C-alpha atoms as a PDB file:
ATOM      1  CA  MET A   1      15.599 -10.333  17.186  1.00  0.00           C
ATOM      2  CA  ILE A   2      14.996  -8.911  13.682  1.00  0.00           C
ATOM      3  CA  TYR A   3      12.646 -11.819  12.947  1.00  0.00           C
ATOM      4  CA  LEU A   4      10.526 -11.000  15.982  1.00  0.00           C
ATOM      5  CA  LYS A   5      10.481  -7.339  14.960  1.00  0.00           C
ATOM      6  CA  LEU A   6       9.405  -8.234  11.426  1.00  0.00           C
ATOM      7  CA  LEU A   7       6.787 -10.648  12.729  1.00  0.00           C
ATOM      8  CA  TRP A   8       5.336  -8.148  15.218  1.00  0.00           C
ATOM      9  CA  SER A   9       5.335  -5.267  12.730  1.00  0.00           C
ATOM     10  CA  PHE A  10       3.500  -7.257  10.084  1.00  0.00           C
ATOM     11  CA  ILE A  11       1.112  -8.840  12.586  1.00  0.00           C
ATOM     12  CA  GLN A  12       0.097  -5.268  13.479  1.00  0.00           C
ATOM     13  CA  ILE A  13      -0.300  -4.390   9.798  1.00  0.00           C
ATOM     14  CA  GLY A  14      -2.344  -7.530   9.188  1.00  0.00           C
ATOM     15  CA  LEU A  15      -4.421  -6.981  12.305  1.00  0.00           C
ATOM     16  CA  PHE A  16      -5.335  -3.337  11.691  1.00  0.00           C
ATOM     17  CA  SER A  17      -5.630  -3.377   7.890  1.00  0.00           C
ATOM     18  CA  ILE A  18      -9.375  -2.895   7.824  1.00  0.00           C
ATOM     19  CA  GLY A  19     -10.421  -2.654   4.203  1.00  0.00           C
ATOM     20  CA  GLY A  20      -7.310  -4.289   2.788  1.00  0.00           C
ATOM     21  CA  GLY A  21      -5.638  -3.155  -0.425  1.00  0.00           C
ATOM     22  CA  TYR A  22      -4.769   0.514  -0.475  1.00  0.00           C
ATOM     23  CA  ALA A  23      -6.148   0.998   3.031  1.00  0.00           C
ATOM     24  CA  THR A  24      -3.068  -0.826   4.337  1.00  0.00           C
ATOM     25  CA  LEU A  25      -0.632   1.680   2.865  1.00  0.00           C
ATOM     26  CA  PRO A  26      -0.601   4.157   5.791  1.00  0.00           C
ATOM     27  CA  LEU A  27      -0.073   1.275   8.214  1.00  0.00           C
ATOM     28  CA  ILE A  28       2.763  -0.204   6.165  1.00  0.00           C
ATOM     29  CA  GLN A  29       4.334   3.242   5.756  1.00  0.00           C
ATOM     30  CA  ASN A  30       4.158   3.871   9.496  1.00  0.00           C
ATOM     31  CA  GLN A  31       5.774   0.538  10.409  1.00  0.00           C
ATOM     32  CA  VAL A  32       8.349   0.352   7.627  1.00  0.00           C
ATOM     33  CA  VAL A  33       9.366   3.995   7.149  1.00  0.00           C
ATOM     34  CA  VAL A  34       8.526   5.871  10.356  1.00  0.00           C
ATOM     35  CA  LEU A  35       8.864   3.434  13.258  1.00  0.00           C
ATOM     36  CA  ASN A  36      11.488   0.934  12.091  1.00  0.00           C
ATOM     37  CA  LYS A  37      13.215   3.013   9.388  1.00  0.00           C
ATOM     38  CA  TRP A  38      13.697  -0.058   7.211  1.00  0.00           C
ATOM     39  CA  LEU A  39      12.981   1.994   4.066  1.00  0.00           C
ATOM     40  CA  THR A  40      13.068   5.653   3.086  1.00  0.00           C
ATOM     41  CA  LEU A  41       9.897   7.285   1.762  1.00  0.00           C
ATOM     42  CA  THR A  42      11.226   7.023  -1.795  1.00  0.00           C
ATOM     43  CA  GLU A  43      12.027   3.335  -1.307  1.00  0.00           C
ATOM     44  CA  PHE A  44       8.517   2.910   0.127  1.00  0.00           C
ATOM     45  CA  ALA A  45       7.020   4.435  -3.037  1.00  0.00           C
ATOM     46  CA  ASP A  46       9.147   2.015  -5.081  1.00  0.00           C
ATOM     47  CA  LEU A  47       7.918  -0.824  -2.870  1.00  0.00           C
ATOM     48  CA  ILE A  48       4.291   0.123  -3.547  1.00  0.00           C
ATOM     49  CA  THR A  49       5.009   0.316  -7.278  1.00  0.00           C
ATOM     50  CA  ILE A  50       6.564  -3.152  -7.249  1.00  0.00           C
ATOM     51  CA  ALA A  51       3.820  -4.559  -4.992  1.00  0.00           C
ATOM     52  CA  GLU A  52       1.168  -3.143  -7.333  1.00  0.00           C
ATOM     53  CA  MET A  53       2.793  -4.631 -10.436  1.00  0.00           C
ATOM     54  CA  THR A  54       3.103  -8.137  -9.013  1.00  0.00           C
ATOM     55  CA  PRO A  55       0.205 -10.531  -8.518  1.00  0.00           C
ATOM     56  CA  GLY A  56      -1.334 -10.720  -5.062  1.00  0.00           C
ATOM     57  CA  PRO A  57      -2.383  -8.369  -2.298  1.00  0.00           C
ATOM     58  CA  ILE A  58      -0.288  -5.256  -1.689  1.00  0.00           C
ATOM     59  CA  ALA A  59       0.218  -5.954   2.021  1.00  0.00           C
ATOM     60  CA  ILE A  60       1.518  -9.476   1.433  1.00  0.00           C
ATOM     61  CA  ASN A  61       3.750  -8.390  -1.446  1.00  0.00           C
ATOM     62  CA  SER A  62       5.061  -5.565   0.724  1.00  0.00           C
ATOM     63  CA  ALA A  63       5.709  -7.903   3.640  1.00  0.00           C
ATOM     64  CA  THR A  64       7.619 -10.278   1.397  1.00  0.00           C
ATOM     65  CA  PHE A  65       9.634  -7.436  -0.146  1.00  0.00           C
ATOM     66  CA  VAL A  66      10.518  -5.815   3.190  1.00  0.00           C
ATOM     67  CA  GLY A  67      11.255  -9.170   4.827  1.00  0.00           C
ATOM     68  CA  ILE A  68      13.643 -10.255   2.097  1.00  0.00           C
ATOM     69  CA  ARG A  69      15.335  -6.853   2.113  1.00  0.00           C
ATOM     70  CA  ILE A  70      15.831  -6.851   5.887  1.00  0.00           C
ATOM     71  CA  ALA A  71      16.555 -10.519   6.652  1.00  0.00           C
ATOM     72  CA  GLY A  72      16.678 -12.506   3.425  1.00  0.00           C
ATOM     73  CA  LEU A  73      14.378 -15.412   2.618  1.00  0.00           C
ATOM     74  CA  PRO A  74      13.649 -16.295   6.275  1.00  0.00           C
ATOM     75  CA  GLY A  75      12.705 -12.646   6.862  1.00  0.00           C
ATOM     76  CA  ALA A  76      10.341 -12.745   3.881  1.00  0.00           C
ATOM     77  CA  LEU A  77       8.668 -15.870   5.252  1.00  0.00           C
ATOM     78  CA  VAL A  78       8.340 -14.409   8.759  1.00  0.00           C
ATOM     79  CA  ALA A  79       6.991 -11.025   7.577  1.00  0.00           C
ATOM     80  CA  THR A  80       4.534 -12.651   5.170  1.00  0.00           C
ATOM     81  CA  PHE A  81       3.339 -15.085   7.845  1.00  0.00           C
ATOM     82  CA  GLY A  82       2.897 -12.179  10.274  1.00  0.00           C
ATOM     83  CA  CYS A  83       0.850 -10.270   7.711  1.00  0.00           C
ATOM     84  CA  VAL A  84      -1.412 -13.227   6.911  1.00  0.00           C
ATOM     85  CA  LEU A  85      -1.918 -14.693  10.393  1.00  0.00           C
ATOM     86  CA  PRO A  86      -4.336 -12.071  11.786  1.00  0.00           C
ATOM     87  CA  SER A  87      -6.424 -12.173   8.611  1.00  0.00           C
ATOM     88  CA  VAL A  88      -6.788 -15.928   8.758  1.00  0.00           C
ATOM     89  CA  ILE A  89      -7.900 -15.840  12.380  1.00  0.00           C
ATOM     90  CA  ILE A  90     -10.200 -12.850  11.894  1.00  0.00           C
ATOM     91  CA  VAL A  91     -11.802 -14.156   8.686  1.00  0.00           C
ATOM     92  CA  LEU A  92     -12.500 -17.564  10.184  1.00  0.00           C
ATOM     93  CA  THR A  93     -14.050 -15.929  13.248  1.00  0.00           C
ATOM     94  CA  LEU A  94     -16.051 -13.367  11.275  1.00  0.00           C
ATOM     95  CA  ALA A  95     -17.282 -15.918   8.771  1.00  0.00           C
ATOM     96  CA  TYR A  96     -18.729 -17.937  11.609  1.00  0.00           C
ATOM     97  CA  ILE A  97     -20.266 -14.889  13.327  1.00  0.00           C
ATOM     98  CA  TYR A  98     -21.578 -13.350  10.104  1.00  0.00           C
ATOM     99  CA  GLY A  99     -23.132 -16.620   9.000  1.00  0.00           C
ATOM    100  CA  LYS A 100     -24.888 -16.903  12.330  1.00  0.00           C
ATOM    101  CA  TYR A 101     -25.887 -13.242  12.923  1.00  0.00           C
ATOM    102  CA  LYS A 102     -25.911 -11.542   9.485  1.00  0.00           C
ATOM    103  CA  ASN A 103     -29.518 -10.399   9.779  1.00  0.00           C
ATOM    104  CA  LEU A 104     -29.002  -8.448  13.001  1.00  0.00           C
ATOM    105  CA  VAL A 105     -29.248  -4.667  12.707  1.00  0.00           C
ATOM    106  CA  ILE A 106     -26.144  -4.142  14.848  1.00  0.00           C
ATOM    107  CA  VAL A 107     -23.986  -6.199  12.462  1.00  0.00           C
ATOM    108  CA  GLN A 108     -25.198  -4.151   9.501  1.00  0.00           C
ATOM    109  CA  GLY A 109     -24.571  -0.958  11.508  1.00  0.00           C
ATOM    110  CA  VAL A 110     -20.970  -1.928  12.270  1.00  0.00           C
ATOM    111  CA  LEU A 111     -20.296  -2.690   8.609  1.00  0.00           C
ATOM    112  CA  SER A 112     -21.869   0.623   7.532  1.00  0.00           C
ATOM    113  CA  GLY A 113     -19.769   2.486  10.094  1.00  0.00           C
ATOM    114  CA  LEU A 114     -16.516   0.941   8.872  1.00  0.00           C
ATOM    115  CA  ARG A 115     -16.980   1.937   5.215  1.00  0.00           C
ATOM    116  CA  PRO A 116     -16.142   5.671   5.660  1.00  0.00           C
ATOM    117  CA  ALA A 117     -13.005   4.816   7.654  1.00  0.00           C
ATOM    118  CA  VAL A 118     -11.809   2.541   4.857  1.00  0.00           C
ATOM    119  CA  VAL A 119     -12.327   5.338   2.313  1.00  0.00           C
ATOM    120  CA  ALA A 120     -10.342   7.693   4.583  1.00  0.00           C
ATOM    121  CA  PHE A 121      -7.450   5.184   4.751  1.00  0.00           C
ATOM    122  CA  ILE A 122      -7.359   4.853   0.969  1.00  0.00           C
ATOM    123  CA  THR A 123      -7.573   8.630   0.460  1.00  0.00           C
ATOM    124  CA  SER A 124      -4.772   9.275   2.963  1.00  0.00           C
ATOM    125  CA  ALA A 125      -2.474   6.809   1.212  1.00  0.00           C
ATOM    126  CA  GLY A 126      -3.383   8.252  -2.177  1.00  0.00           C
ATOM    127  CA  ILE A 127      -2.569  11.800  -1.081  1.00  0.00           C
ATOM    128  CA  SER A 128       0.791  10.697   0.356  1.00  0.00           C
ATOM    129  CA  LEU A 129       1.757   8.894  -2.849  1.00  0.00           C
ATOM    130  CA  PHE A 130       0.418  11.759  -5.008  1.00  0.00           C
ATOM    131  CA  THR A 131       2.550  14.381  -3.257  1.00  0.00           C
ATOM    132  CA  LEU A 132       5.593  12.102  -3.281  1.00  0.00           C
ATOM    133  CA  ALA A 133       5.204  11.419  -7.011  1.00  0.00           C
ATOM    134  CA  LEU A 134       4.797  15.077  -7.994  1.00  0.00           C
ATOM    135  CA  TRP A 135       6.938  16.915  -5.426  1.00  0.00           C
ATOM    136  CA  GLY A 136       9.290  14.303  -3.999  1.00  0.00           C
ATOM    137  CA  GLU A 137      10.151  13.792  -0.341  1.00  0.00           C
ATOM    138  CA  ASP A 138      10.671  17.489   0.355  1.00  0.00           C
ATOM    139  CA  PHE A 139       7.071  18.549  -0.426  1.00  0.00           C
ATOM    140  CA  THR A 140       6.709  20.728   2.670  1.00  0.00           C
ATOM    141  CA  ALA A 141      10.112  22.337   2.153  1.00  0.00           C
ATOM    142  CA  SER A 142       9.662  23.076  -1.555  1.00  0.00           C
ATOM    143  CA  GLY A 143       6.020  24.117  -1.343  1.00  0.00           C
ATOM    144  CA  ILE A 144       3.654  23.960  -4.257  1.00  0.00           C
ATOM    145  CA  GLY A 145       6.217  25.494  -6.617  1.00  0.00           C
ATOM    146  CA  GLY A 146       8.668  22.596  -6.412  1.00  0.00           C
ATOM    147  CA  VAL A 147       6.512  20.332  -8.556  1.00  0.00           C
ATOM    148  CA  ASN A 148       8.209  18.022 -11.068  1.00  0.00           C
ATOM    149  CA  PRO A 149       6.715  18.884 -14.503  1.00  0.00           C
ATOM    150  CA  VAL A 150       7.623  15.488 -16.007  1.00  0.00           C
ATOM    151  CA  ALA A 151       5.853  13.707 -13.144  1.00  0.00           C
ATOM    152  CA  VAL A 152       2.789  15.942 -13.598  1.00  0.00           C
ATOM    153  CA  PHE A 153       2.709  15.192 -17.330  1.00  0.00           C
ATOM    154  CA  LEU A 154       3.025  11.429 -16.765  1.00  0.00           C
ATOM    155  CA  PHE A 155       0.348  11.555 -14.050  1.00  0.00           C
ATOM    156  CA  VAL A 156      -2.124  13.468 -16.242  1.00  0.00           C
ATOM    157  CA  LEU A 157      -1.373  11.255 -19.240  1.00  0.00           C
ATOM    158  CA  ALA A 158      -1.806   8.027 -17.233  1.00  0.00           C
ATOM    159  CA  LEU A 159      -5.008   9.293 -15.625  1.00  0.00           C
ATOM    160  CA  PHE A 160      -6.400  10.323 -19.020  1.00  0.00           C
ATOM    161  CA  ILE A 161      -5.572   6.952 -20.601  1.00  0.00           C
ATOM    162  CA  LEU A 162      -7.015   5.016 -17.669  1.00  0.00           C
ATOM    163  CA  ARG A 163     -10.264   7.006 -17.562  1.00  0.00           C
ATOM    164  CA  LYS A 164     -10.851   7.587 -21.308  1.00  0.00           C
ATOM    165  CA  TYR A 165      -9.649   4.317 -22.835  1.00  0.00           C
ATOM    166  CA  LYS A 166      -9.998   1.975 -19.832  1.00  0.00           C
ATOM    167  CA  LEU A 167      -6.615   0.500 -20.703  1.00  0.00           C
ATOM    168  CA  ASN A 168      -5.189  -2.211 -18.459  1.00  0.00           C
ATOM    169  CA  PRO A 169      -3.362  -0.493 -15.554  1.00  0.00           C
ATOM    170  CA  LEU A 170      -0.335  -2.770 -16.019  1.00  0.00           C
ATOM    171  CA  ILE A 171       0.069  -1.545 -19.592  1.00  0.00           C
ATOM    172  CA  VAL A 172      -0.187   2.062 -18.404  1.00  0.00           C
ATOM    173  CA  MET A 173       2.373   1.411 -15.638  1.00  0.00           C
ATOM    174  CA  PHE A 174       4.700  -0.279 -18.114  1.00  0.00           C
ATOM    175  CA  GLY A 175       4.335   2.633 -20.537  1.00  0.00           C
ATOM    176  CA  THR A 176       4.955   5.321 -17.934  1.00  0.00           C
ATOM    177  CA  GLY A 177       7.894   3.292 -16.608  1.00  0.00           C
ATOM    178  CA  ILE A 178       9.438   3.222 -20.084  1.00  0.00           C
ATOM    179  CA  ALA A 179       8.712   6.951 -20.530  1.00  0.00           C
ATOM    180  CA  GLY A 180      10.281   7.709 -17.150  1.00  0.00           C
ATOM    181  CA  MET A 181      13.332   5.652 -17.995  1.00  0.00           C
ATOM    182  CA  ILE A 182      13.779   7.531 -21.280  1.00  0.00           C
ATOM    183  CA  VAL A 183      13.189  10.989 -19.780  1.00  0.00           C
ATOM    184  CA  TYR A 184      15.218  10.544 -16.590  1.00  0.00           C
ATOM    185  CA  LEU A 185      18.141   8.670 -18.167  1.00  0.00           C
ATOM    186  CA  VAL A 186      18.544  10.966 -21.181  1.00  0.00           C
END
């Protein structure tokens, strides 16, 4: 039964992940944290951190991580397959259609209409992760005053380094991870 649940959950994520990448985060959060309660919000943030640090798409890395956590290696295979299956079918279908009808105005209109929705998905996920990182899970209860000053400092520092010096994001993540380990363990 858990395999069918994993498969169906990640088929839905794969099917409705228009835009891919960060646009999938609200869908993954809804399935994994809200509906199925497989992870807490904090564990979800850790999942995204791990999925971002490892090679490959976030949705597939997340599916593998959740699957292995819930049902071991078979669960990882089922969840990953569920996440990939809709994309394979959709991409094959769209590649055929786009190749045949790419010059039609309606096709260009559909693609132009989808772009703002993708930006909204990414922004929504970013805001959720931003508030979780700086305020924790009890953002609404603690209000704006319950901000974690260490998290704010690390956020500002990482943002500054990424924008000013264009340093590799993995190096910045590694550095802030080390800084967090030092600050939070000492």
